Amino acid sequence: LRLARFNTMLDEPNRPAWKSAYFTGVPSPAGAGLALFPVYLSFAGNLN
C-alpha cells in the first residue's frame, strides 16, 4: 500500500515544492530496517 501510494503521488499536480522534503508514511527501505529490529536485539549482546 505504501509503494502504491508513493507511485500515484509522483503524478500529483501542483504539489508544493516544500513537500518533497517529506515522505508520507515510513519509506519502504526504512520500514525494512525497522522490521528487523527484533533480530538486532537478539544479537546485540552488549546491550543486555
All heavy atoms as atom14 arrays in JSON, in Angstrom:
{
  "sequence": "LRLARFNTMLDEPNRPAWKSAYFTGVPSPAGAGLALFPVYLSFAGNLN",
  "atom14_mask": [
    [1, 1, 1, 1, 1, 1, 1, 1, 0, 0, 0, 0, 0, 0],
    [1, 1, 1, 1, 1, 1, 1, 1, 1, 1, 1, 0, 0, 0],
    [1, 1, 1, 1, 1, 1, 1, 1, 0, 0, 0, 0, 0, 0],
    [1, 1, 1, 1, 1, 0, 0, 0, 0, 0, 0, 0, 0, 0],
    [1, 1, 1, 1, 1, 1, 1, 1, 1, 1, 1, 0, 0, 0],
    [1, 1, 1, 1, 1, 1, 1, 1, 1, 1, 1, 0, 0, 0],
    [1, 1, 1, 1, 1, 1, 1, 1, 0, 0, 0, 0, 0, 0],
    [1, 1, 1, 1, 1, 1, 1, 0, 0, 0, 0, 0, 0, 0],
    [1, 1, 1, 1, 1, 1, 1, 1, 0, 0, 0, 0, 0, 0],
    [1, 1, 1, 1, 1, 1, 1, 1, 0, 0, 0, 0, 0, 0],
    [1, 1, 1, 1, 1, 1, 1, 1, 0, 0, 0, 0, 0, 0],
    [1, 1, 1, 1, 1, 1, 1, 1, 1, 0, 0, 0, 0, 0],
    [1, 1, 1, 1, 1, 1, 1, 0, 0, 0, 0, 0, 0, 0],
    [1, 1, 1, 1, 1, 1, 1, 1, 0, 0, 0, 0, 0, 0],
    [1, 1, 1, 1, 1, 1, 1, 1, 1, 1, 1, 0, 0, 0],
    [1, 1, 1, 1, 1, 1, 1, 0, 0, 0, 0, 0, 0, 0],
    [1, 1, 1, 1, 1, 0, 0, 0, 0, 0, 0, 0, 0, 0],
    [1, 1, 1, 1, 1, 1, 1, 1, 1, 1, 1, 1, 1, 1],
    [1, 1, 1, 1, 1, 1, 1, 1, 1, 0, 0, 0, 0, 0],
    [1, 1, 1, 1, 1, 1, 0, 0, 0, 0, 0, 0, 0, 0],
    [1, 1, 1, 1, 1, 0, 0, 0, 0, 0, 0, 0, 0, 0],
    [1, 1, 1, 1, 1, 1, 1, 1, 1, 1, 1, 1, 0, 0],
    [1, 1, 1, 1, 1, 1, 1, 1, 1, 1, 1, 0, 0, 0],
    [1, 1, 1, 1, 1, 1, 1, 0, 0, 0, 0, 0, 0, 0],
    [1, 1, 1, 1, 0, 0, 0, 0, 0, 0, 0, 0, 0, 0],
    [1, 1, 1, 1, 1, 1, 1, 0, 0, 0, 0, 0, 0, 0],
    [1, 1, 1, 1, 1, 1, 1, 0, 0, 0, 0, 0, 0, 0],
    [1, 1, 1, 1, 1, 1, 0, 0, 0, 0, 0, 0, 0, 0],
    [1, 1, 1, 1, 1, 1, 1, 0, 0, 0, 0, 0, 0, 0],
    [1, 1, 1, 1, 1, 0, 0, 0, 0, 0, 0, 0, 0, 0],
    [1, 1, 1, 1, 0, 0, 0, 0, 0, 0, 0, 0, 0, 0],
    [1, 1, 1, 1, 1, 0, 0, 0, 0, 0, 0, 0, 0, 0],
    [1, 1, 1, 1, 0, 0, 0, 0, 0, 0, 0, 0, 0, 0],
    [1, 1, 1, 1, 1, 1, 1, 1, 0, 0, 0, 0, 0, 0],
    [1, 1, 1, 1, 1, 0, 0, 0, 0, 0, 0, 0, 0, 0],
    [1, 1, 1, 1, 1, 1, 1, 1, 0, 0, 0, 0, 0, 0],
    [1, 1, 1, 1, 1, 1, 1, 1, 1, 1, 1, 0, 0, 0],
    [1, 1, 1, 1, 1, 1, 1, 0, 0, 0, 0, 0, 0, 0],
    [1, 1, 1, 1, 1, 1, 1, 0, 0, 0, 0, 0, 0, 0],
    [1, 1, 1, 1, 1, 1, 1, 1, 1, 1, 1, 1, 0, 0],
    [1, 1, 1, 1, 1, 1, 1, 1, 0, 0, 0, 0, 0, 0],
    [1, 1, 1, 1, 1, 1, 0, 0, 0, 0, 0, 0, 0, 0],
    [1, 1, 1, 1, 1, 1, 1, 1, 1, 1, 1, 0, 0, 0],
    [1, 1, 1, 1, 1, 0, 0, 0, 0, 0, 0, 0, 0, 0],
    [1, 1, 1, 1, 0, 0, 0, 0, 0, 0, 0, 0, 0, 0],
    [1, 1, 1, 1, 1, 1, 1, 1, 0, 0, 0, 0, 0, 0],
    [1, 1, 1, 1, 1, 1, 1, 1, 0, 0, 0, 0, 0, 0],
    [1, 1, 1, 1, 1, 1, 1, 1, 0, 0, 0, 0, 0, 0]
  ],
  "atom14_positions": [
    [[0.83, -1.2, 0.0], [0.0, 0.0, 0.0], [0.87, 1.26, 0.0], [0.56, 2.23, -0.7], [-0.92, -0.01, 1.22], [-2.03, -1.05, 1.23], [-2.71, -1.09, 2.59], [-3.05, -0.76, 0.13], [0.0, 0.0, 0.0], [0.0, 0.0, 0.0], [0.0, 0.0, 0.0], [0.0, 0.0, 0.0], [0.0, 0.0, 0.0], [0.0, 0.0, 0.0]],
    [[1.95, 1.23, 0.75], [2.83, 2.39, 0.81], [3.48, 2.66, -0.55], [3.54, 3.8, -1.01], [3.91, 2.15, 1.88], [4.74, 3.37, 2.22], [6.05, 3.39, 1.45], [6.8, 4.62, 1.71], [6.63, 5.75, 1.05], [5.71, 5.82, 0.11], [7.36, 6.81, 1.31], [0.0, 0.0, 0.0], [0.0, 0.0, 0.0], [0.0, 0.0, 0.0]],
    [[3.91, 1.6, -1.22], [4.55, 1.76, -2.53], [3.55, 2.22, -3.58], [3.87, 3.05, -4.44], [5.21, 0.44, -2.95], [6.43, 0.02, -2.12], [6.83, -1.41, -2.45], [7.59, 0.97, -2.37], [0.0, 0.0, 0.0], [0.0, 0.0, 0.0], [0.0, 0.0, 0.0], [0.0, 0.0, 0.0], [0.0, 0.0, 0.0], [0.0, 0.0, 0.0]],
    [[2.33, 1.68, -3.53], [1.31, 2.1, -4.5], [0.98, 3.57, -4.32], [0.84, 4.31, -5.31], [0.06, 1.23, -4.32], [0.0, 0.0, 0.0], [0.0, 0.0, 0.0], [0.0, 0.0, 0.0], [0.0, 0.0, 0.0], [0.0, 0.0, 0.0], [0.0, 0.0, 0.0], [0.0, 0.0, 0.0], [0.0, 0.0, 0.0], [0.0, 0.0, 0.0]],
    [[0.85, 4.02, -3.09], [0.56, 5.43, -2.85], [1.71, 6.32, -3.29], [1.52, 7.39, -3.86], [0.25, 5.67, -1.37], [-0.17, 7.11, -1.08], [-0.56, 7.29, 0.37], [0.53, 6.96, 1.25], [0.36, 6.47, 2.48], [-0.86, 6.24, 2.93], [1.39, 6.2, 3.23], [0.0, 0.0, 0.0], [0.0, 0.0, 0.0], [0.0, 0.0, 0.0]],
    [[2.94, 5.87, -3.03], [4.1, 6.65, -3.45], [4.12, 6.83, -4.96], [4.39, 7.93, -5.47], [5.38, 5.95, -2.98], [6.65, 6.61, -3.46], [7.12, 7.76, -2.84], [7.35, 6.11, -4.53], [8.29, 8.38, -3.28], [8.52, 6.71, -4.98], [8.97, 7.86, -4.35], [0.0, 0.0, 0.0], [0.0, 0.0, 0.0], [0.0, 0.0, 0.0]],
    [[3.83, 5.77, -5.7], [3.83, 5.86, -7.16], [2.74, 6.78, -7.68], [2.94, 7.52, -8.65], [3.67, 4.46, -7.78], [4.9, 3.59, -7.58], [6.0, 4.1, -7.34], [4.73, 2.29, -7.66], [0.0, 0.0, 0.0], [0.0, 0.0, 0.0], [0.0, 0.0, 0.0], [0.0, 0.0, 0.0], [0.0, 0.0, 0.0], [0.0, 0.0, 0.0]],
    [[1.58, 6.76, -7.04], [0.5, 7.64, -7.51], [0.78, 9.09, -7.15], [0.39, 10.01, -7.89], [-0.84, 7.22, -6.89], [-0.73, 7.2, -5.45], [-1.24, 5.83, -7.36], [0.0, 0.0, 0.0], [0.0, 0.0, 0.0], [0.0, 0.0, 0.0], [0.0, 0.0, 0.0], [0.0, 0.0, 0.0], [0.0, 0.0, 0.0], [0.0, 0.0, 0.0]],
    [[1.47, 9.34, -6.04], [1.77, 10.71, -5.63], [2.81, 11.36, -6.55], [2.93, 12.59, -6.57], [2.26, 10.74, -4.18], [1.16, 10.45, -3.17], [1.76, 10.45, -1.45], [2.17, 12.19, -1.26], [0.0, 0.0, 0.0], [0.0, 0.0, 0.0], [0.0, 0.0, 0.0], [0.0, 0.0, 0.0], [0.0, 0.0, 0.0], [0.0, 0.0, 0.0]],
    [[3.55, 10.56, -7.31], [4.53, 11.12, -8.24], [3.84, 11.94, -9.33], [4.43, 12.86, -9.89], [5.36, 10.0, -8.88], [6.31, 9.25, -7.95], [7.0, 8.12, -8.71], [7.36, 10.19, -7.35], [0.0, 0.0, 0.0], [0.0, 0.0, 0.0], [0.0, 0.0, 0.0], [0.0, 0.0, 0.0], [0.0, 0.0, 0.0], [0.0, 0.0, 0.0]],
    [[2.58, 11.56, -9.63], [1.83, 12.26, -10.68], [0.9, 13.32, -10.11], [0.06, 13.86, -10.84], [1.01, 11.24, -11.49], [1.9, 10.19, -12.14], [3.02, 10.53, -12.55], [1.47, 9.01, -12.21], [0.0, 0.0, 0.0], [0.0, 0.0, 0.0], [0.0, 0.0, 0.0], [0.0, 0.0, 0.0], [0.0, 0.0, 0.0], [0.0, 0.0, 0.0]],
    [[1.03, 13.63, -8.82], [0.14, 14.6, -8.21], [0.43, 16.0, -8.74], [1.57, 16.48, -8.66], [0.33, 14.59, -6.69], [-0.59, 15.54, -5.94], [-0.34, 15.51, -4.45], [0.3, 14.55, -3.98], [-0.79, 16.44, -3.76], [0.0, 0.0, 0.0], [0.0, 0.0, 0.0], [0.0, 0.0, 0.0], [0.0, 0.0, 0.0], [0.0, 0.0, 0.0]],
    [[-0.56, 16.66, -9.33], [-0.32, 18.0, -9.88], [-0.27, 19.06, -8.79], [-0.88, 18.92, -7.73], [-1.53, 18.21, -10.81], [-2.62, 17.41, -10.18], [-1.95, 16.21, -9.55], [0.0, 0.0, 0.0], [0.0, 0.0, 0.0], [0.0, 0.0, 0.0], [0.0, 0.0, 0.0], [0.0, 0.0, 0.0], [0.0, 0.0, 0.0], [0.0, 0.0, 0.0]],
    [[0.46, 20.13, -9.06], [0.53, 21.29, -8.17], [0.98, 20.92, -6.76], [0.52, 21.49, -5.77], [-0.84, 21.99, -8.1], [-1.34, 22.42, -9.47], [-0.57, 22.86, -10.31], [-2.64, 22.25, -9.69], [0.0, 0.0, 0.0], [0.0, 0.0, 0.0], [0.0, 0.0, 0.0], [0.0, 0.0, 0.0], [0.0, 0.0, 0.0], [0.0, 0.0, 0.0]],
    [[1.88, 19.97, -6.66], [2.41, 19.59, -5.36], [3.43, 20.64, -4.92], [4.38, 20.93, -5.66], [3.07, 18.22, -5.43], [3.67, 17.73, -4.11], [4.25, 16.34, -4.29], [4.96, 15.89, -3.11], [4.41, 15.32, -2.05], [3.09, 15.13, -2.04], [5.13, 14.93, -1.02], [0.0, 0.0, 0.0], [0.0, 0.0, 0.0], [0.0, 0.0, 0.0]],
    [[3.25, 21.25, -3.73], [4.21, 22.27, -3.29], [5.62, 21.71, -3.19], [5.82, 20.55, -2.8], [3.67, 22.68, -1.91], [2.23, 22.26, -1.91], [2.15, 21.05, -2.78], [0.0, 0.0, 0.0], [0.0, 0.0, 0.0], [0.0, 0.0, 0.0], [0.0, 0.0, 0.0], [0.0, 0.0, 0.0], [0.0, 0.0, 0.0], [0.0, 0.0, 0.0]],
    [[6.6, 22.54, -3.52], [7.99, 22.09, -3.53], [8.46, 21.67, -2.14], [9.27, 20.74, -2.01], [8.89, 23.2, -4.09], [0.0, 0.0, 0.0], [0.0, 0.0, 0.0], [0.0, 0.0, 0.0], [0.0, 0.0, 0.0], [0.0, 0.0, 0.0], [0.0, 0.0, 0.0], [0.0, 0.0, 0.0], [0.0, 0.0, 0.0], [0.0, 0.0, 0.0]],
    [[7.95, 22.32, -1.09], [8.42, 22.0, 0.26], [8.04, 20.59, 0.69], [8.71, 19.99, 1.54], [7.88, 23.02, 1.26], [6.39, 23.03, 1.42], [5.5, 23.8, 0.74], [5.62, 22.23, 2.33], [4.21, 23.54, 1.14], [4.26, 22.59, 2.13], [5.94, 21.27, 3.28], [3.23, 22.0, 2.85], [4.91, 20.68, 4.01], [3.58, 21.05, 3.79]],
    [[7.01, 20.01, 0.07], [6.58, 18.66, 0.45], [7.58, 17.59, -0.01], [7.53, 16.45, 0.48], [5.2, 18.36, -0.13], [4.06, 19.05, 0.61], [2.72, 18.52, 0.15], [1.58, 19.13, 0.98], [0.27, 18.57, 0.6], [0.0, 0.0, 0.0], [0.0, 0.0, 0.0], [0.0, 0.0, 0.0], [0.0, 0.0, 0.0], [0.0, 0.0, 0.0]],
    [[8.46, 17.93, -0.94], [9.45, 16.95, -1.4], [10.44, 16.58, -0.31], [11.15, 15.58, -0.43], [10.19, 17.49, -2.62], [10.94, 18.65, -2.29], [0.0, 0.0, 0.0], [0.0, 0.0, 0.0], [0.0, 0.0, 0.0], [0.0, 0.0, 0.0], [0.0, 0.0, 0.0], [0.0, 0.0, 0.0], [0.0, 0.0, 0.0], [0.0, 0.0, 0.0]],
    [[10.5, 17.37, 0.76], [11.4, 17.07, 1.89], [10.8, 16.04, 2.83], [11.45, 15.66, 3.82], [11.73, 18.34, 2.66], [0.0, 0.0, 0.0], [0.0, 0.0, 0.0], [0.0, 0.0, 0.0], [0.0, 0.0, 0.0], [0.0, 0.0, 0.0], [0.0, 0.0, 0.0], [0.0, 0.0, 0.0], [0.0, 0.0, 0.0], [0.0, 0.0, 0.0]],
    [[9.57, 15.56, 2.54], [8.9, 14.62, 3.43], [8.33, 13.45, 2.63], [7.9, 13.6, 1.5], [7.77, 15.31, 4.19], [8.21, 16.52, 5.0], [8.2, 17.79, 4.41], [8.62, 16.39, 6.31], [8.61, 18.9, 5.14], [9.03, 17.51, 7.04], [9.02, 18.75, 6.44], [9.43, 19.85, 7.15], [0.0, 0.0, 0.0], [0.0, 0.0, 0.0]],
    [[8.32, 12.3, 3.28], [7.58, 11.15, 2.78], [6.24, 11.08, 3.5], [6.11, 11.57, 4.63], [8.34, 9.85, 3.03], [9.51, 9.63, 2.11], [10.77, 9.37, 2.64], [9.36, 9.66, 0.74], [11.86, 9.16, 1.81], [10.44, 9.45, -0.1], [11.69, 9.19, 0.44], [0.0, 0.0, 0.0], [0.0, 0.0, 0.0], [0.0, 0.0, 0.0]],
    [[5.27, 10.45, 2.86], [4.0, 10.16, 3.52], [4.08, 8.73, 4.04], [4.05, 7.78, 3.27], [2.82, 10.32, 2.56], [2.8, 11.66, 2.04], [1.51, 10.04, 3.27], [0.0, 0.0, 0.0], [0.0, 0.0, 0.0], [0.0, 0.0, 0.0], [0.0, 0.0, 0.0], [0.0, 0.0, 0.0], [0.0, 0.0, 0.0], [0.0, 0.0, 0.0]],
    [[4.2, 8.58, 5.35], [4.44, 7.27, 5.92], [5.93, 6.95, 5.93], [6.74, 7.64, 5.31], [0.0, 0.0, 0.0], [0.0, 0.0, 0.0], [0.0, 0.0, 0.0], [0.0, 0.0, 0.0], [0.0, 0.0, 0.0], [0.0, 0.0, 0.0], [0.0, 0.0, 0.0], [0.0, 0.0, 0.0], [0.0, 0.0, 0.0], [0.0, 0.0, 0.0]],
    [[6.27, 5.9, 6.64], [7.67, 5.46, 6.69], [8.03, 4.86, 5.34], [7.31, 4.0, 4.83], [7.87, 4.43, 7.81], [9.27, 3.82, 7.75], [7.63, 5.06, 9.17], [0.0, 0.0, 0.0], [0.0, 0.0, 0.0], [0.0, 0.0, 0.0], [0.0, 0.0, 0.0], [0.0, 0.0, 0.0], [0.0, 0.0, 0.0], [0.0, 0.0, 0.0]],
    [[9.11, 5.31, 4.69], [9.5, 4.75, 3.4], [9.86, 3.28, 3.52], [10.29, 2.81, 4.59], [10.71, 5.6, 2.98], [11.23, 6.16, 4.25], [10.05, 6.35, 5.14], [0.0, 0.0, 0.0], [0.0, 0.0, 0.0], [0.0, 0.0, 0.0], [0.0, 0.0, 0.0], [0.0, 0.0, 0.0], [0.0, 0.0, 0.0], [0.0, 0.0, 0.0]],
    [[9.69, 2.54, 2.43], [9.86, 1.09, 2.49], [11.28, 0.64, 2.88], [11.41, -0.31, 3.65], [9.45, 0.46, 1.15], [10.11, 1.06, 0.06], [0.0, 0.0, 0.0], [0.0, 0.0, 0.0], [0.0, 0.0, 0.0], [0.0, 0.0, 0.0], [0.0, 0.0, 0.0], [0.0, 0.0, 0.0], [0.0, 0.0, 0.0], [0.0, 0.0, 0.0]],
    [[12.37, 1.27, 2.41], [13.69, 0.83, 2.89], [13.86, 1.01, 4.4], [14.39, 0.13, 5.08], [14.67, 1.72, 2.1], [13.91, 2.15, 0.89], [12.5, 2.3, 1.36], [0.0, 0.0, 0.0], [0.0, 0.0, 0.0], [0.0, 0.0, 0.0], [0.0, 0.0, 0.0], [0.0, 0.0, 0.0], [0.0, 0.0, 0.0], [0.0, 0.0, 0.0]],
    [[13.39, 2.16, 4.91], [13.46, 2.38, 6.36], [12.54, 1.4, 7.09], [12.88, 0.89, 8.17], [13.06, 3.81, 6.69], [0.0, 0.0, 0.0], [0.0, 0.0, 0.0], [0.0, 0.0, 0.0], [0.0, 0.0, 0.0], [0.0, 0.0, 0.0], [0.0, 0.0, 0.0], [0.0, 0.0, 0.0], [0.0, 0.0, 0.0], [0.0, 0.0, 0.0]],
    [[11.38, 1.11, 6.5], [10.47, 0.15, 7.11], [11.09, -1.23, 7.22], [10.91, -1.93, 8.22], [0.0, 0.0, 0.0], [0.0, 0.0, 0.0], [0.0, 0.0, 0.0], [0.0, 0.0, 0.0], [0.0, 0.0, 0.0], [0.0, 0.0, 0.0], [0.0, 0.0, 0.0], [0.0, 0.0, 0.0], [0.0, 0.0, 0.0], [0.0, 0.0, 0.0]],
    [[11.85, -1.62, 6.19], [12.53, -2.92, 6.25], [13.56, -2.93, 7.36], [13.69, -3.93, 8.1], [13.2, -3.21, 4.9], [0.0, 0.0, 0.0], [0.0, 0.0, 0.0], [0.0, 0.0, 0.0], [0.0, 0.0, 0.0], [0.0, 0.0, 0.0], [0.0, 0.0, 0.0], [0.0, 0.0, 0.0], [0.0, 0.0, 0.0], [0.0, 0.0, 0.0]],
    [[14.31, -1.83, 7.5], [15.29, -1.75, 8.58], [14.64, -1.8, 9.95], [15.15, -2.46, 10.87], [0.0, 0.0, 0.0], [0.0, 0.0, 0.0], [0.0, 0.0, 0.0], [0.0, 0.0, 0.0], [0.0, 0.0, 0.0], [0.0, 0.0, 0.0], [0.0, 0.0, 0.0], [0.0, 0.0, 0.0], [0.0, 0.0, 0.0], [0.0, 0.0, 0.0]],
    [[13.49, -1.13, 10.1], [12.78, -1.16, 11.37], [12.17, -2.53, 11.64], [12.12, -2.98, 12.79], [11.68, -0.1, 11.38], [12.13, 1.37, 11.3], [10.92, 2.29, 11.22], [13.03, 1.74, 12.46], [0.0, 0.0, 0.0], [0.0, 0.0, 0.0], [0.0, 0.0, 0.0], [0.0, 0.0, 0.0], [0.0, 0.0, 0.0], [0.0, 0.0, 0.0]],
    [[11.7, -3.19, 10.6], [11.07, -4.5, 10.76], [12.03, -5.52, 11.36], [11.62, -6.44, 12.08], [10.53, -5.0, 9.43], [0.0, 0.0, 0.0], [0.0, 0.0, 0.0], [0.0, 0.0, 0.0], [0.0, 0.0, 0.0], [0.0, 0.0, 0.0], [0.0, 0.0, 0.0], [0.0, 0.0, 0.0], [0.0, 0.0, 0.0], [0.0, 0.0, 0.0]],
    [[13.31, -5.37, 11.08], [14.31, -6.33, 11.56], [14.81, -6.0, 12.96], [15.76, -6.65, 13.44], [15.49, -6.37, 10.58], [15.15, -6.82, 9.16], [16.37, -6.75, 8.27], [14.57, -8.22, 9.16], [0.0, 0.0, 0.0], [0.0, 0.0, 0.0], [0.0, 0.0, 0.0], [0.0, 0.0, 0.0], [0.0, 0.0, 0.0], [0.0, 0.0, 0.0]],
    [[14.19, -5.04, 13.62], [14.61, -4.64, 14.96], [14.68, -5.81, 15.95], [15.64, -5.92, 16.73], [13.68, -3.54, 15.47], [14.06, -2.98, 16.8], [15.2, -2.21, 16.96], [13.26, -3.21, 17.92], [15.54, -1.67, 18.19], [13.59, -2.68, 19.15], [14.74, -1.92, 19.29], [0.0, 0.0, 0.0], [0.0, 0.0, 0.0], [0.0, 0.0, 0.0]],
    [[13.7, -6.74, 15.96], [13.81, -7.88, 16.87], [15.05, -8.74, 16.6], [15.62, -9.32, 17.54], [12.53, -8.68, 16.59], [11.55, -7.66, 16.1], [12.38, -6.71, 15.29], [0.0, 0.0, 0.0], [0.0, 0.0, 0.0], [0.0, 0.0, 0.0], [0.0, 0.0, 0.0], [0.0, 0.0, 0.0], [0.0, 0.0, 0.0], [0.0, 0.0, 0.0]],
    [[15.48, -8.82, 15.35], [16.7, -9.57, 15.04], [17.92, -8.85, 15.61], [18.83, -9.47, 16.17], [16.85, -9.78, 13.52], [18.06, -10.66, 13.21], [15.59, -10.41, 12.94], [0.0, 0.0, 0.0], [0.0, 0.0, 0.0], [0.0, 0.0, 0.0], [0.0, 0.0, 0.0], [0.0, 0.0, 0.0], [0.0, 0.0, 0.0], [0.0, 0.0, 0.0]],
    [[17.95, -7.53, 15.47], [19.06, -6.76, 16.04], [19.17, -7.02, 17.54], [20.26, -7.26, 18.06], [18.87, -5.25, 15.83], [18.59, -4.79, 14.43], [17.94, -3.58, 14.2], [18.97, -5.55, 13.31], [17.68, -3.13, 12.92], [18.69, -5.11, 12.03], [18.04, -3.9, 11.84], [17.78, -3.45, 10.59], [0.0, 0.0, 0.0], [0.0, 0.0, 0.0]],
    [[18.04, -6.98, 18.23], [18.05, -7.16, 19.68], [18.58, -8.53, 20.07], [19.29, -8.67, 21.08], [16.64, -6.97, 20.25], [16.08, -5.55, 20.26], [14.68, -5.56, 20.84], [16.97, -4.62, 21.06], [0.0, 0.0, 0.0], [0.0, 0.0, 0.0], [0.0, 0.0, 0.0], [0.0, 0.0, 0.0], [0.0, 0.0, 0.0], [0.0, 0.0, 0.0]],
    [[18.24, -9.54, 19.29], [18.66, -10.9, 19.64], [20.16, -11.09, 19.53], [20.72, -11.98, 20.17], [17.93, -11.92, 18.75], [18.34, -11.79, 17.4], [0.0, 0.0, 0.0], [0.0, 0.0, 0.0], [0.0, 0.0, 0.0], [0.0, 0.0, 0.0], [0.0, 0.0, 0.0], [0.0, 0.0, 0.0], [0.0, 0.0, 0.0], [0.0, 0.0, 0.0]],
    [[20.83, -10.25, 18.73], [22.27, -10.38, 18.55], [23.06, -9.27, 19.26], [24.29, -9.33, 19.29], [22.62, -10.36, 17.06], [22.23, -11.61, 16.33], [21.11, -11.64, 15.54], [22.99, -12.77, 16.45], [20.73, -12.79, 14.86], [22.62, -13.93, 15.79], [21.49, -13.94, 14.99], [0.0, 0.0, 0.0], [0.0, 0.0, 0.0], [0.0, 0.0, 0.0]],
    [[22.36, -8.29, 19.8], [23.04, -7.16, 20.46], [23.35, -7.54, 21.9], [22.71, -7.06, 22.85], [22.2, -5.9, 20.39], [0.0, 0.0, 0.0], [0.0, 0.0, 0.0], [0.0, 0.0, 0.0], [0.0, 0.0, 0.0], [0.0, 0.0, 0.0], [0.0, 0.0, 0.0], [0.0, 0.0, 0.0], [0.0, 0.0, 0.0], [0.0, 0.0, 0.0]],
    [[24.34, -8.38, 22.1], [24.67, -8.88, 23.42], [25.17, -7.81, 24.36], [24.96, -7.9, 25.58], [0.0, 0.0, 0.0], [0.0, 0.0, 0.0], [0.0, 0.0, 0.0], [0.0, 0.0, 0.0], [0.0, 0.0, 0.0], [0.0, 0.0, 0.0], [0.0, 0.0, 0.0], [0.0, 0.0, 0.0], [0.0, 0.0, 0.0], [0.0, 0.0, 0.0]],
    [[25.83, -6.78, 23.86], [26.38, -5.73, 24.73], [25.31, -4.85, 25.35], [25.6, -4.1, 26.29], [27.35, -4.85, 23.94], [28.61, -5.61, 23.54], [29.1, -6.43, 24.3], [29.13, -5.34, 22.35], [0.0, 0.0, 0.0], [0.0, 0.0, 0.0], [0.0, 0.0, 0.0], [0.0, 0.0, 0.0], [0.0, 0.0, 0.0], [0.0, 0.0, 0.0]],
    [[24.09, -4.89, 24.83], [23.03, -4.04, 25.36], [22.21, -4.72, 26.45], [21.37, -4.09, 27.09], [22.08, -3.6, 24.23], [22.72, -2.74, 23.13], [21.68, -2.39, 22.07], [23.3, -1.46, 23.71], [0.0, 0.0, 0.0], [0.0, 0.0, 0.0], [0.0, 0.0, 0.0], [0.0, 0.0, 0.0], [0.0, 0.0, 0.0], [0.0, 0.0, 0.0]],
    [[22.44, -6.04, 26.65], [21.73, -6.8, 27.68], [20.21, -6.64, 27.56], [19.5, -6.42, 28.55], [22.18, -6.36, 29.08], [23.64, -6.66, 29.33], [24.14, -7.71, 28.94], [24.34, -5.74, 29.98], [0.0, 0.0, 0.0], [0.0, 0.0, 0.0], [0.0, 0.0, 0.0], [0.0, 0.0, 0.0], [0.0, 0.0, 0.0], [0.0, 0.0, 0.0]]
  ]
}
